[in-house]
Amino acid sequence: MTVDTTPRSRHGVESYLTSDFHEWRTHVSESFVPLEVQTDRPDSFHGQLRAKRIDRLAMFDIRVSQHSVFRTPELVTNSSRDYYKLSMQLRGSSLLLQDGKEALLTPGDISLYDTTRPYTLISDDNMRHIVLMFPRSSIDLPTADLGELTATRLPANRAMCQVISPFLLRMAKNFESLNGGAALRLAHTTIDLVTTLFANELDVGLEGTNEPRRRLLNQIKNFIEANLDDESLAPPQIAAAHYISVRQLHQLFSTEGMSVSSWIRTRRLEHCRRMLVDPVHAGRSVSEIGARWGLPDAPHFSRVFKIAYGVSPRQFRSAGMPAT
């Protein structure tokens, strides 16, 4: 195979092909998070990577020979990049290990891993998979609950996998045509679909168990999501709607390491961030967008947005690039 170690970009698609294992190892760490990569057959190695980055979603189509990837404790400690990675196996097999669990993945299977904790991914020869990488904050599910899904095989014949897998495959096949506002909305749809997949798996895992706390918390979060545009949304209203006391409501959220008000604010800001970067809403003022999601006080909206994303809403929109 001809060595081509220079990443190329066309239509916003990064394309990389190499038979130099050392170059591949460096490129993979730069594309994802710092990783240690090993192979038993460096002389016959080959790797191909195509990538598309839209807003806070990075999507990769990877074809590669036998190798192993390690996210070591040292690399985790020295890195501040907090992401989830979803992998969909398309060819060959891989073994994923994280949090004391392991999942053997075959074509069609989906798995989740977390870059804030060590993991190992061992892949056989002639392997292909699609990988999504997105900030942990973009998934509005409890991190503690999602920890139950790491290194867990979501089989190809699972109903939700059968819904999501064709969508992801078509996205990967059409990287070049994913541009502008349509691409942005597809990226947001992808995150929403992934969230739905994880939420469904967590709900299935609750069936037949005695975990009413988590069920109630999920119901409350769904209620909050449906009423974010109500600027008067507050703990007393939420508690009354679920026949619990405000104290009980705060206790539920304390297990998430976040207050009720913080959760409401985080979800509102994420919706505002999406609208600010979407060309479809370019005609809406910053204050209109804030009001749309229950933040009608423009100075307050600007202040909390800057705390969350490092820039004001106007600066964020003017920059024309998403905050991560």
Protein backbone atom coordinates (compact mmCIF):
# COMPACT_ATOMS: atom_id res chain seq x y z
CA MET A 1 0.00 0.00 0.00
CA THR A 2 1.21 3.47 -0.85
CA VAL A 3 1.95 5.56 2.17
CA ASP A 4 -0.06 8.78 2.32
CA THR A 5 0.40 10.29 5.73
CA THR A 6 -0.96 13.74 4.91
CA PRO A 7 -4.58 14.25 6.01
CA ARG A 8 -6.66 15.65 3.17
CA SER A 9 -9.87 17.63 3.43
CA ARG A 10 -12.63 18.03 0.88
CA HIS A 11 -16.14 19.29 1.56
CA GLY A 12 -15.18 19.41 5.23
CA VAL A 13 -14.31 15.71 5.26
CA GLU A 14 -10.96 14.68 6.67
CA SER A 15 -9.48 11.73 4.79
CA TYR A 16 -6.38 9.85 5.91
CA LEU A 17 -4.73 6.70 4.54
CA THR A 18 -1.44 5.17 5.65
CA SER A 19 0.57 1.99 6.00
CA ASP A 20 2.94 3.64 8.48
CA PHE A 21 1.87 2.45 11.92
CA HIS A 22 3.78 5.17 13.78
CA GLU A 23 2.06 7.88 11.74
CA TRP A 24 -1.30 6.22 12.38
CA ARG A 25 -0.68 6.13 16.12
CA THR A 26 0.03 9.87 16.18
CA HIS A 27 -2.93 10.73 13.96
CA VAL A 28 -5.40 8.70 16.02
CA SER A 29 -4.40 10.47 19.24
CA GLU A 30 -4.78 13.84 17.56
CA SER A 31 -8.17 12.95 16.06
CA PHE A 32 -9.73 11.50 19.21
CA VAL A 33 -8.11 11.85 22.63
CA PRO A 34 -4.55 10.91 23.63
CA LEU A 35 -4.24 7.14 23.22
CA GLU A 36 -1.61 4.44 23.30
CA VAL A 37 -1.82 2.28 20.16
CA GLN A 38 -0.05 -1.05 19.61
CA THR A 39 0.10 -3.74 16.93
CA ASP A 40 1.85 -7.08 16.59
CA ARG A 41 2.27 -6.58 12.84
CA PRO A 42 3.57 -3.04 12.15
CA ASP A 43 5.15 -4.08 8.83
CA SER A 44 1.83 -5.14 7.31
CA PHE A 45 -0.25 -2.45 8.96
CA HIS A 46 -2.78 -0.38 7.05
CA GLY A 47 -5.28 2.17 8.25
CA GLN A 48 -7.88 4.44 6.67
CA LEU A 49 -9.89 7.11 8.44
CA ARG A 50 -12.59 9.47 7.21
CA ALA A 51 -13.96 12.07 9.58
CA LYS A 52 -16.67 14.70 9.64
CA ARG A 53 -17.02 17.22 12.45
CA ILE A 54 -20.32 19.06 12.85
CA ASP A 55 -20.95 21.26 15.85
CA ARG A 56 -19.97 19.15 18.89
CA LEU A 57 -20.28 15.83 17.08
CA ALA A 58 -17.31 14.11 15.44
CA MET A 59 -18.08 11.09 13.25
CA PHE A 60 -15.42 8.67 12.01
CA ASP A 61 -15.44 5.83 9.49
CA ILE A 62 -12.39 3.67 10.27
CA ARG A 63 -10.95 0.69 8.37
CA VAL A 64 -7.84 -0.72 9.95
CA SER A 65 -5.80 -3.87 10.42
CA GLN A 66 -5.06 -5.64 13.70
CA HIS A 67 -4.24 -3.28 16.56
CA SER A 68 -5.04 -2.41 20.19
CA VAL A 69 -5.94 0.96 21.68
CA PHE A 70 -5.35 1.87 25.33
CA ARG A 71 -6.68 4.87 27.20
CA THR A 72 -4.38 4.54 30.19
CA PRO A 73 -4.87 6.08 33.65
CA GLU A 74 -1.92 8.39 32.95
CA LEU A 75 -3.46 9.63 29.70
CA VAL A 76 -6.80 10.21 31.45
CA THR A 77 -5.11 12.22 34.21
CA ASN A 78 -3.25 14.42 31.75
CA SER A 79 -6.22 15.10 29.50
CA SER A 80 -9.16 17.44 30.04
CA ARG A 81 -11.16 16.21 27.03
CA ASP A 82 -14.32 14.63 28.44
CA TYR A 83 -16.17 12.67 25.79
CA TYR A 84 -18.36 9.69 25.22
CA LYS A 85 -17.57 7.50 22.24
CA LEU A 86 -20.10 5.27 20.55
CA SER A 87 -18.81 2.54 18.27
CA MET A 88 -20.81 0.57 15.72
CA GLN A 89 -18.98 -2.49 14.41
CA LEU A 90 -19.33 -2.99 10.65
CA ARG A 91 -16.73 -5.64 9.87
CA GLY A 92 -14.49 -7.93 11.89
CA SER A 93 -14.68 -8.09 15.66
CA SER A 94 -13.45 -6.04 18.61
CA LEU A 95 -13.14 -6.53 22.35
CA LEU A 96 -13.95 -3.50 24.50
CA LEU A 97 -12.95 -3.37 28.17
CA GLN A 98 -13.90 -0.63 30.63
CA ASP A 99 -15.03 -0.38 34.25
CA GLY A 100 -14.33 -4.05 34.90
CA LYS A 101 -16.61 -5.16 32.07
CA GLU A 102 -15.92 -6.46 28.60
CA ALA A 103 -17.95 -6.68 25.41
CA LEU A 104 -17.16 -8.76 22.33
CA LEU A 105 -18.49 -6.80 19.37
CA THR A 106 -19.44 -8.32 16.02
CA PRO A 107 -20.94 -6.64 12.92
CA GLY A 108 -23.98 -4.52 13.77
CA ASP A 109 -23.26 -4.31 17.51
CA ILE A 110 -23.08 -0.95 19.25
CA SER A 111 -21.08 -0.06 22.35
CA LEU A 112 -20.33 2.94 24.55
CA TYR A 113 -17.12 4.03 26.25
CA ASP A 114 -16.10 7.04 28.30
CA THR A 115 -12.81 8.90 27.76
CA THR A 116 -12.70 10.09 31.38
CA ARG A 117 -11.87 6.56 32.52
CA PRO A 118 -9.35 4.01 31.23
CA TYR A 119 -10.43 1.61 28.51
CA THR A 120 -8.97 -0.90 26.09
CA LEU A 121 -10.16 -1.70 22.57
CA ILE A 122 -8.64 -4.76 20.87
CA SER A 123 -9.50 -5.22 17.20
CA ASP A 124 -8.81 -8.11 14.85
CA ASP A 125 -7.61 -7.80 11.25
CA ASN A 126 -9.59 -6.15 8.46
CA MET A 127 -11.82 -4.28 10.90
CA ARG A 128 -14.23 -1.47 10.11
CA HIS A 129 -16.35 0.53 12.50
CA ILE A 130 -18.12 3.86 12.78
CA VAL A 131 -17.29 5.94 15.84
CA LEU A 132 -19.18 8.92 17.19
CA MET A 133 -17.46 11.20 19.70
CA PHE A 134 -19.32 13.92 21.58
CA PRO A 135 -18.94 15.84 24.87
CA ARG A 136 -20.41 14.08 27.86
CA SER A 137 -22.44 17.22 28.58
CA SER A 138 -24.37 16.81 25.32
CA ILE A 139 -26.20 13.73 26.65
CA ASP A 140 -28.96 14.70 29.08
CA LEU A 141 -28.83 11.46 31.03
CA PRO A 142 -27.22 10.84 34.44
CA THR A 143 -23.53 10.02 34.08
CA ALA A 144 -23.83 7.43 36.86
CA ASP A 145 -26.53 5.60 34.91
CA LEU A 146 -24.60 5.78 31.65
CA GLY A 147 -21.70 4.17 33.46
CA GLU A 148 -23.81 1.02 33.52
CA LEU A 149 -23.74 0.93 29.71
CA THR A 150 -19.99 1.26 29.16
CA ALA A 151 -18.41 -1.86 27.64
CA THR A 152 -21.88 -3.35 27.22
CA ARG A 153 -22.81 -5.00 23.95
CA LEU A 154 -25.96 -3.59 22.39
CA PRO A 155 -26.66 -6.34 19.85
CA ALA A 156 -27.54 -5.68 16.23
CA ASN A 157 -30.96 -7.34 16.58
CA ARG A 158 -32.05 -4.98 19.38
CA ALA A 159 -35.00 -2.88 18.15
CA MET A 160 -33.42 0.52 18.79
CA CYS A 161 -30.13 -0.59 17.20
CA GLN A 162 -32.06 -1.56 14.08
CA VAL A 163 -33.49 1.96 13.98
CA ILE A 164 -30.25 3.83 14.60
CA SER A 165 -27.69 1.70 12.73
CA PRO A 166 -28.96 2.39 9.18
CA PHE A 167 -29.08 6.11 9.99
CA LEU A 168 -25.46 6.14 11.16
CA LEU A 169 -24.30 4.12 8.16
CA ARG A 170 -25.99 6.49 5.71
CA MET A 171 -24.48 9.45 7.50
CA ALA A 172 -21.01 7.91 7.08
CA LYS A 173 -21.60 7.19 3.39
CA ASN A 174 -22.66 10.78 2.74
CA PHE A 175 -20.03 12.81 4.62
CA GLU A 176 -19.31 14.98 1.56
CA SER A 177 -22.91 16.14 1.25
CA LEU A 178 -23.33 17.01 4.94
CA ASN A 179 -22.94 20.76 4.97
CA GLY A 180 -24.68 23.89 6.21
CA GLY A 181 -27.82 23.98 8.28
CA ALA A 182 -28.98 20.54 7.19
CA ALA A 183 -25.77 18.96 8.47
CA LEU A 184 -26.10 20.82 11.75
CA ARG A 185 -29.63 19.55 12.33
CA LEU A 186 -28.61 16.01 11.38
CA ALA A 187 -25.81 16.21 13.96
CA HIS A 188 -28.30 17.30 16.61
CA THR A 189 -30.67 14.54 15.51
CA THR A 190 -27.83 12.04 15.85
CA ILE A 191 -27.19 13.12 19.45
CA ASP A 192 -30.92 12.89 20.18
CA LEU A 193 -31.11 9.39 18.68
CA VAL A 194 -28.11 8.24 20.68
CA THR A 195 -29.67 9.67 23.83
CA THR A 196 -32.88 7.79 23.01
CA LEU A 197 -30.93 4.57 22.53
CA PHE A 198 -29.21 4.92 25.90
CA ALA A 199 -32.39 5.98 27.69
CA ASN A 200 -34.22 2.98 26.27
CA GLU A 201 -31.47 0.61 27.41
CA LEU A 202 -31.56 2.09 30.90
CA ASP A 203 -35.36 1.79 31.04
CA VAL A 204 -35.21 -1.82 29.90
CA GLY A 205 -32.65 -2.50 32.59
CA LEU A 206 -35.08 -1.17 35.19
CA GLU A 207 -37.92 -3.51 34.27
CA GLY A 208 -38.56 -5.96 37.06
CA THR A 209 -36.24 -4.16 39.45
CA ASN A 210 -36.95 -2.12 42.53
CA GLU A 211 -35.52 1.24 41.45
CA PRO A 212 -38.41 3.71 41.65
CA ARG A 213 -36.00 6.57 42.36
CA ARG A 214 -34.45 6.44 38.93
CA ARG A 215 -37.79 6.03 37.20
CA LEU A 216 -39.14 9.09 39.02
CA LEU A 217 -36.02 11.10 38.22
CA ASN A 218 -36.33 10.25 34.53
CA GLN A 219 -39.99 11.27 34.57
CA ILE A 220 -39.09 14.58 36.19
CA LYS A 221 -36.36 15.27 33.64
CA ASN A 222 -38.79 14.57 30.82
CA PHE A 223 -41.23 17.00 32.43
CA ILE A 224 -38.53 19.66 32.70
CA GLU A 225 -37.53 19.15 29.06
CA ALA A 226 -41.14 19.60 27.94
CA ASN A 227 -41.53 22.84 29.93
CA LEU A 228 -38.20 24.60 29.42
CA ASP A 229 -39.90 27.46 27.61
CA ASP A 230 -41.85 28.30 30.76
CA GLU A 231 -39.78 30.98 32.49
CA SER A 232 -41.66 30.33 35.75
CA LEU A 233 -40.55 26.68 35.83
CA ALA A 234 -39.21 26.11 39.34
CA PRO A 235 -38.83 23.36 41.97
CA PRO A 236 -42.25 23.92 43.66
CA GLN A 237 -44.07 23.52 40.33
CA ILE A 238 -42.05 20.45 39.38
CA ALA A 239 -42.51 18.81 42.78
CA ALA A 240 -46.27 19.44 42.77
CA ALA A 241 -46.60 17.91 39.29
CA HIS A 242 -45.04 14.69 40.60
CA TYR A 243 -46.75 14.60 44.02
CA ILE A 244 -43.55 14.92 46.01
CA SER A 245 -42.18 17.61 48.30
CA VAL A 246 -39.59 20.16 47.19
CA ARG A 247 -37.21 18.57 49.68
CA GLN A 248 -37.66 15.16 48.05
CA LEU A 249 -37.07 16.74 44.64
CA HIS A 250 -33.78 18.25 45.78
CA GLN A 251 -32.74 14.92 47.28
CA LEU A 252 -33.35 13.18 43.95
CA PHE A 253 -31.11 15.62 42.11
CA SER A 254 -28.44 15.63 44.80
CA THR A 255 -27.54 12.09 43.75
CA GLU A 256 -26.70 13.54 40.30
CA GLY A 257 -24.28 16.07 41.73
CA MET A 258 -26.44 18.90 40.36
CA SER A 259 -29.25 21.02 41.71
CA VAL A 260 -32.67 21.17 40.08
CA SER A 261 -32.08 24.77 39.02
CA SER A 262 -28.69 23.90 37.55
CA TRP A 263 -30.22 21.11 35.51
CA ILE A 264 -32.94 23.44 34.15
CA ARG A 265 -30.34 26.08 33.28
CA THR A 266 -28.05 23.56 31.58
CA ARG A 267 -30.82 22.21 29.37
CA ARG A 268 -32.02 25.71 28.46
CA LEU A 269 -28.52 26.82 27.53
CA GLU A 270 -27.96 23.76 25.35
CA HIS A 271 -31.12 24.51 23.37
CA CYS A 272 -30.06 28.15 23.06
CA ARG A 273 -26.59 27.11 21.90
CA ARG A 274 -28.10 24.91 19.19
CA MET A 275 -30.29 27.74 17.91
CA LEU A 276 -27.46 30.27 17.94
CA VAL A 277 -25.34 28.10 15.66
CA ASP A 278 -28.19 27.09 13.34
CA PRO A 279 -28.46 29.26 10.18
CA VAL A 280 -32.23 28.70 10.15
CA HIS A 281 -32.48 30.93 13.23
CA ALA A 282 -30.06 33.61 11.99
CA GLY A 283 -32.94 36.06 11.78
CA ARG A 284 -33.77 35.71 15.46
CA SER A 285 -32.07 38.04 17.90
CA VAL A 286 -30.04 36.68 20.79
CA SER A 287 -32.65 37.95 23.23
CA GLU A 288 -35.45 36.21 21.29
CA ILE A 289 -33.58 32.92 21.48
CA GLY A 290 -33.04 33.30 25.20
CA ALA A 291 -36.72 34.09 25.74
CA ARG A 292 -37.72 31.11 23.60
CA TRP A 293 -36.10 28.83 26.17
CA GLY A 294 -37.23 30.51 29.36
CA LEU A 295 -34.40 33.03 29.70
CA PRO A 296 -36.12 36.36 28.88
CA ASP A 297 -33.76 38.54 30.93
CA ALA A 298 -31.11 39.34 28.28
CA PRO A 299 -28.27 40.37 30.67
CA HIS A 300 -28.87 37.27 32.80
CA PHE A 301 -28.95 35.05 29.70
CA SER A 302 -25.68 36.54 28.46
CA ARG A 303 -24.04 36.11 31.86
CA VAL A 304 -24.98 32.45 32.40
CA PHE A 305 -24.17 31.57 28.79
CA LYS A 306 -20.67 33.01 29.15
CA ILE A 307 -20.15 31.07 32.37
CA ALA A 308 -21.15 27.85 30.59
CA TYR A 309 -19.37 28.32 27.24
CA GLY A 310 -16.66 30.92 27.83
CA VAL A 311 -18.10 33.56 25.49
CA SER A 312 -21.29 35.62 25.37
CA PRO A 313 -24.14 34.50 23.10
CA ARG A 314 -23.34 37.32 20.65
CA GLN A 315 -19.65 36.41 20.56
CA PHE A 316 -20.52 32.77 20.11
CA ARG A 317 -22.82 33.51 17.18
CA SER A 318 -20.33 35.97 15.59
CA ALA A 319 -17.49 33.48 15.81
CA GLY A 320 -19.49 31.11 13.64
CA MET A 321 -18.01 28.10 15.38
CA PRO A 322 -19.42 25.94 18.17
CA ALA A 323 -18.08 25.94 21.69
CA THR A 324 -16.99 22.57 23.07
